[in-house]
Amino acid sequence: MKKIVTLFSGEGTNLANLIAKVHLKECAITGAITNNPNAGGIAKAKAAGIPVEILEHTRFDSRESYDAALVDMIKSYDPDLVVLCGFMRILTPVFTSNIRSINLHPSLLPAFKGARAIERSFESDEKLCGASVHWVTDELDGGELILQKGFLKSDDETLESFTAKIRAIEHEILPLSVIKVLKDS
C-alpha cells in the first residue's frame, strides 16, 4: 500500500476528510506534521492512530532552516506523496526540490494565489469560483493543476455560504487527487 504524509496548520477538516476517504483504503497516511502546536488536526490524526509530529516554524531562524528540518522529518517516513491540506507556510526550494507534494488551494487557480483566497474570491467580480489541487513548486500556488472544480457564485451569496461551497469542493477533489496521483505514479 502506498504511503502519504500530510502537512496541516489548522483545524484539520481536510485531514479528517482524507482519513475518512483514503486512509487504509487507497493508501496509508503514515504521518501527519503540523507547524502549529494548537492545531485542531492533531486530535483528528491521533484519533485515527496516525502519528503526529509538531515542528514549530517559530523555533527556526529562517524559512530554509525550517524547510530543511521538515524535509528530514518527512523523509523519515519514506512517503510516496506528501499532501498539504491547509499547511499555511510558503515553502522554499529547500522543500520543493526535495519533496514530491500536492497542495489544496481554495480558488480556481491561477486566480487568487496566496493567503485569504476565499475572501478575495468572494469579494471579487468573478462569477465562477471554486478550488484547486496542484503540484507544489517554487512558485507559490503555481504548480501544474491536478484537479479543479468550480461553481457559479449566486447574487445572494454570503461569505458563509460561499465558504461552505468551497469546503465541500475541497472535500471532494483532494481525495480524488490523491488517488489519481498515486495511481499515476
Protein backbone atom coordinates (compact mmCIF):
# COMPACT_ATOMS: atom_id res chain seq x y z
CA MET A 1 0.00 0.00 0.00
CA LYS A 2 1.32 3.44 -0.93
CA LYS A 3 2.14 5.84 1.88
CA ILE A 4 1.38 9.53 2.26
CA VAL A 5 2.35 12.15 4.81
CA THR A 6 0.05 15.11 5.41
CA LEU A 7 1.01 18.65 6.43
CA PHE A 8 -1.54 20.89 8.14
CA SER A 9 -1.74 24.02 10.27
CA GLY A 10 -5.32 24.36 11.46
CA GLU A 11 -8.49 22.52 12.36
CA GLY A 12 -7.68 19.58 10.13
CA THR A 13 -11.04 19.28 8.37
CA ASN A 14 -9.35 18.30 5.11
CA LEU A 15 -7.09 15.91 7.02
CA ALA A 16 -10.15 14.30 8.64
CA ASN A 17 -11.76 14.04 5.21
CA LEU A 18 -8.65 12.30 3.82
CA ILE A 19 -8.64 9.92 6.78
CA ALA A 20 -12.29 9.03 6.11
CA LYS A 21 -11.97 8.64 2.34
CA VAL A 22 -8.50 7.24 1.60
CA HIS A 23 -6.70 6.11 4.78
CA LEU A 24 -6.26 2.34 4.76
CA LYS A 25 -8.43 2.16 1.64
CA GLU A 26 -6.42 3.76 -1.18
CA CYS A 27 -3.23 4.44 0.79
CA ALA A 28 -1.89 4.70 4.32
CA ILE A 29 -1.44 8.06 5.98
CA THR A 30 1.73 7.18 7.85
CA GLY A 31 2.35 10.58 9.41
CA ALA A 32 0.83 13.99 9.98
CA ILE A 33 3.04 17.01 10.56
CA THR A 34 1.97 20.44 11.76
CA ASN A 35 3.74 23.72 12.42
CA ASN A 36 1.07 24.70 14.97
CA PRO A 37 1.11 23.04 18.42
CA ASN A 38 -2.53 24.13 18.92
CA ALA A 39 -3.84 22.79 15.60
CA GLY A 40 -7.18 21.03 15.86
CA GLY A 41 -5.97 18.48 13.31
CA ILE A 42 -3.64 16.95 15.91
CA ALA A 43 -6.55 15.31 17.74
CA LYS A 44 -8.13 14.17 14.47
CA ALA A 45 -4.95 12.40 13.34
CA LYS A 46 -4.31 10.86 16.77
CA ALA A 47 -7.91 9.59 16.92
CA ALA A 48 -7.21 7.69 13.69
CA GLY A 49 -3.98 6.24 15.09
CA ILE A 50 -1.81 8.37 12.79
CA PRO A 51 1.50 9.54 14.28
CA VAL A 52 1.65 13.32 14.65
CA GLU A 53 4.76 15.45 14.80
CA ILE A 54 4.87 19.13 15.67
CA LEU A 55 7.60 21.19 14.04
CA GLU A 56 7.12 24.81 15.07
CA HIS A 57 8.41 27.25 12.49
CA THR A 58 8.91 29.89 15.18
CA ARG A 59 11.84 27.88 16.54
CA PHE A 60 13.87 28.38 13.35
CA ASP A 61 15.81 31.43 12.23
CA SER A 62 14.88 31.15 8.55
CA ARG A 63 12.37 29.55 6.19
CA GLU A 64 15.20 27.50 4.70
CA SER A 65 16.33 26.05 8.03
CA TYR A 66 12.72 25.17 8.89
CA ASP A 67 12.20 23.55 5.49
CA ALA A 68 15.42 21.53 5.88
CA ALA A 69 14.18 20.12 9.20
CA LEU A 70 10.76 19.47 7.64
CA VAL A 71 12.34 17.62 4.70
CA ASP A 72 14.35 15.42 7.09
CA MET A 73 11.24 14.67 9.14
CA ILE A 74 9.20 13.79 6.03
CA LYS A 75 11.95 11.60 4.57
CA SER A 76 11.99 9.52 7.76
CA TYR A 77 8.52 8.29 6.74
CA ASP A 78 9.63 7.43 3.18
CA PRO A 79 6.28 8.51 1.68
CA ASP A 80 5.16 8.10 -1.91
CA LEU A 81 3.49 11.51 -1.72
CA VAL A 82 3.15 14.47 0.65
CA VAL A 83 -0.24 16.18 0.82
CA LEU A 84 -0.55 19.76 2.02
CA CYS A 85 -4.04 20.21 3.41
CA GLY A 86 -4.21 23.62 4.98
CA PHE A 87 -0.47 23.93 5.64
CA MET A 88 -0.04 27.68 5.98
CA ARG A 89 3.61 28.05 5.07
CA ILE A 90 5.31 29.43 1.99
CA LEU A 91 7.83 26.74 1.11
CA THR A 92 11.33 27.38 -0.18
CA PRO A 93 13.30 25.43 -2.82
CA VAL A 94 14.86 23.51 0.10
CA PHE A 95 11.45 21.81 0.37
CA THR A 96 10.17 21.98 -3.21
CA SER A 97 13.28 20.48 -4.78
CA ASN A 98 13.32 17.54 -2.32
CA ILE A 99 9.71 16.59 -1.66
CA ARG A 100 7.06 15.39 -4.13
CA SER A 101 3.92 17.09 -2.90
CA ILE A 102 0.49 18.38 -3.80
CA ASN A 103 -1.46 21.27 -2.32
CA LEU A 104 -5.12 22.12 -1.91
CA HIS A 105 -5.99 25.77 -2.63
CA PRO A 106 -9.43 27.40 -2.15
CA SER A 107 -9.68 29.18 -5.50
CA LEU A 108 -9.71 28.38 -9.19
CA LEU A 109 -6.01 28.87 -9.82
CA PRO A 110 -4.31 30.85 -11.22
CA ALA A 111 -6.77 33.33 -9.65
CA PHE A 112 -6.29 34.39 -6.03
CA LYS A 113 -2.96 32.76 -5.24
CA GLY A 114 -1.69 33.03 -1.67
CA ALA A 115 -3.45 33.98 1.55
CA ARG A 116 -7.10 34.94 2.05
CA ALA A 117 -8.09 33.29 -1.24
CA ILE A 118 -11.66 32.59 -0.15
CA GLU A 119 -12.31 36.16 0.95
CA ARG A 120 -10.63 37.68 -2.10
CA SER A 121 -12.55 35.37 -4.44
CA PHE A 122 -15.85 36.13 -2.67
CA GLU A 123 -15.23 39.90 -2.80
CA SER A 124 -14.26 39.82 -6.49
CA ASP A 125 -16.46 40.28 -9.54
CA GLU A 126 -15.65 36.70 -10.63
CA LYS A 127 -18.77 34.60 -11.09
CA LEU A 128 -17.01 31.24 -11.49
CA CYS A 129 -15.24 30.28 -8.26
CA GLY A 130 -14.02 27.04 -6.73
CA ALA A 131 -11.00 25.09 -5.50
CA SER A 132 -7.87 23.52 -6.99
CA VAL A 133 -5.32 20.82 -6.24
CA HIS A 134 -1.89 21.38 -7.78
CA TRP A 135 1.70 20.20 -7.62
CA VAL A 136 3.87 22.17 -5.21
CA THR A 137 6.68 24.07 -6.95
CA ASP A 138 8.92 27.03 -6.20
CA GLU A 139 6.15 29.33 -7.44
CA LEU A 140 3.50 29.99 -4.79
CA ASP A 141 0.30 28.19 -5.86
CA GLY A 142 1.78 27.98 -9.36
CA GLY A 143 2.36 24.27 -9.95
CA GLU A 144 0.63 22.16 -12.58
CA LEU A 145 -3.05 21.59 -11.85
CA ILE A 146 -4.25 18.11 -10.93
CA LEU A 147 -7.96 18.79 -10.37
CA GLN A 148 -10.22 21.83 -10.19
CA LYS A 149 -13.92 22.19 -9.64
CA GLY A 150 -15.97 25.34 -9.75
CA PHE A 151 -19.43 26.74 -9.12
CA LEU A 152 -21.27 29.89 -10.09
CA LYS A 153 -21.41 32.46 -7.30
CA SER A 154 -25.00 33.49 -6.75
CA ASP A 155 -26.11 37.09 -6.36
CA ASP A 156 -27.36 36.47 -2.82
CA GLU A 157 -24.20 34.62 -1.72
CA THR A 158 -22.88 35.28 1.78
CA LEU A 159 -19.29 34.69 2.81
CA GLU A 160 -20.54 31.81 4.96
CA SER A 161 -22.45 30.09 2.14
CA PHE A 162 -19.59 30.74 -0.27
CA THR A 163 -17.05 29.24 2.16
CA ALA A 164 -19.26 26.19 2.68
CA LYS A 165 -19.34 25.59 -1.08
CA ILE A 166 -15.54 25.89 -1.29
CA ARG A 167 -15.09 23.45 1.62
CA ALA A 168 -17.45 20.92 0.02
CA ILE A 169 -15.45 21.07 -3.22
CA GLU A 170 -12.18 20.71 -1.30
CA HIS A 171 -13.52 17.60 0.42
CA GLU A 172 -14.41 16.16 -2.98
CA ILE A 173 -11.32 16.96 -5.03
CA LEU A 174 -8.48 16.39 -2.53
CA PRO A 175 -9.13 12.65 -2.03
CA LEU A 176 -9.71 12.24 -5.78
CA SER A 177 -6.40 13.98 -6.46
CA VAL A 178 -4.51 11.76 -4.02
CA ILE A 179 -5.99 8.65 -5.66
CA LYS A 180 -5.20 9.94 -9.16
CA VAL A 181 -1.61 10.88 -8.34
CA LEU A 182 -0.88 7.60 -6.57
CA LYS A 183 -2.37 5.57 -9.45
CA ASP A 184 -0.33 7.54 -11.99
CA SER A 185 2.93 7.10 -10.09
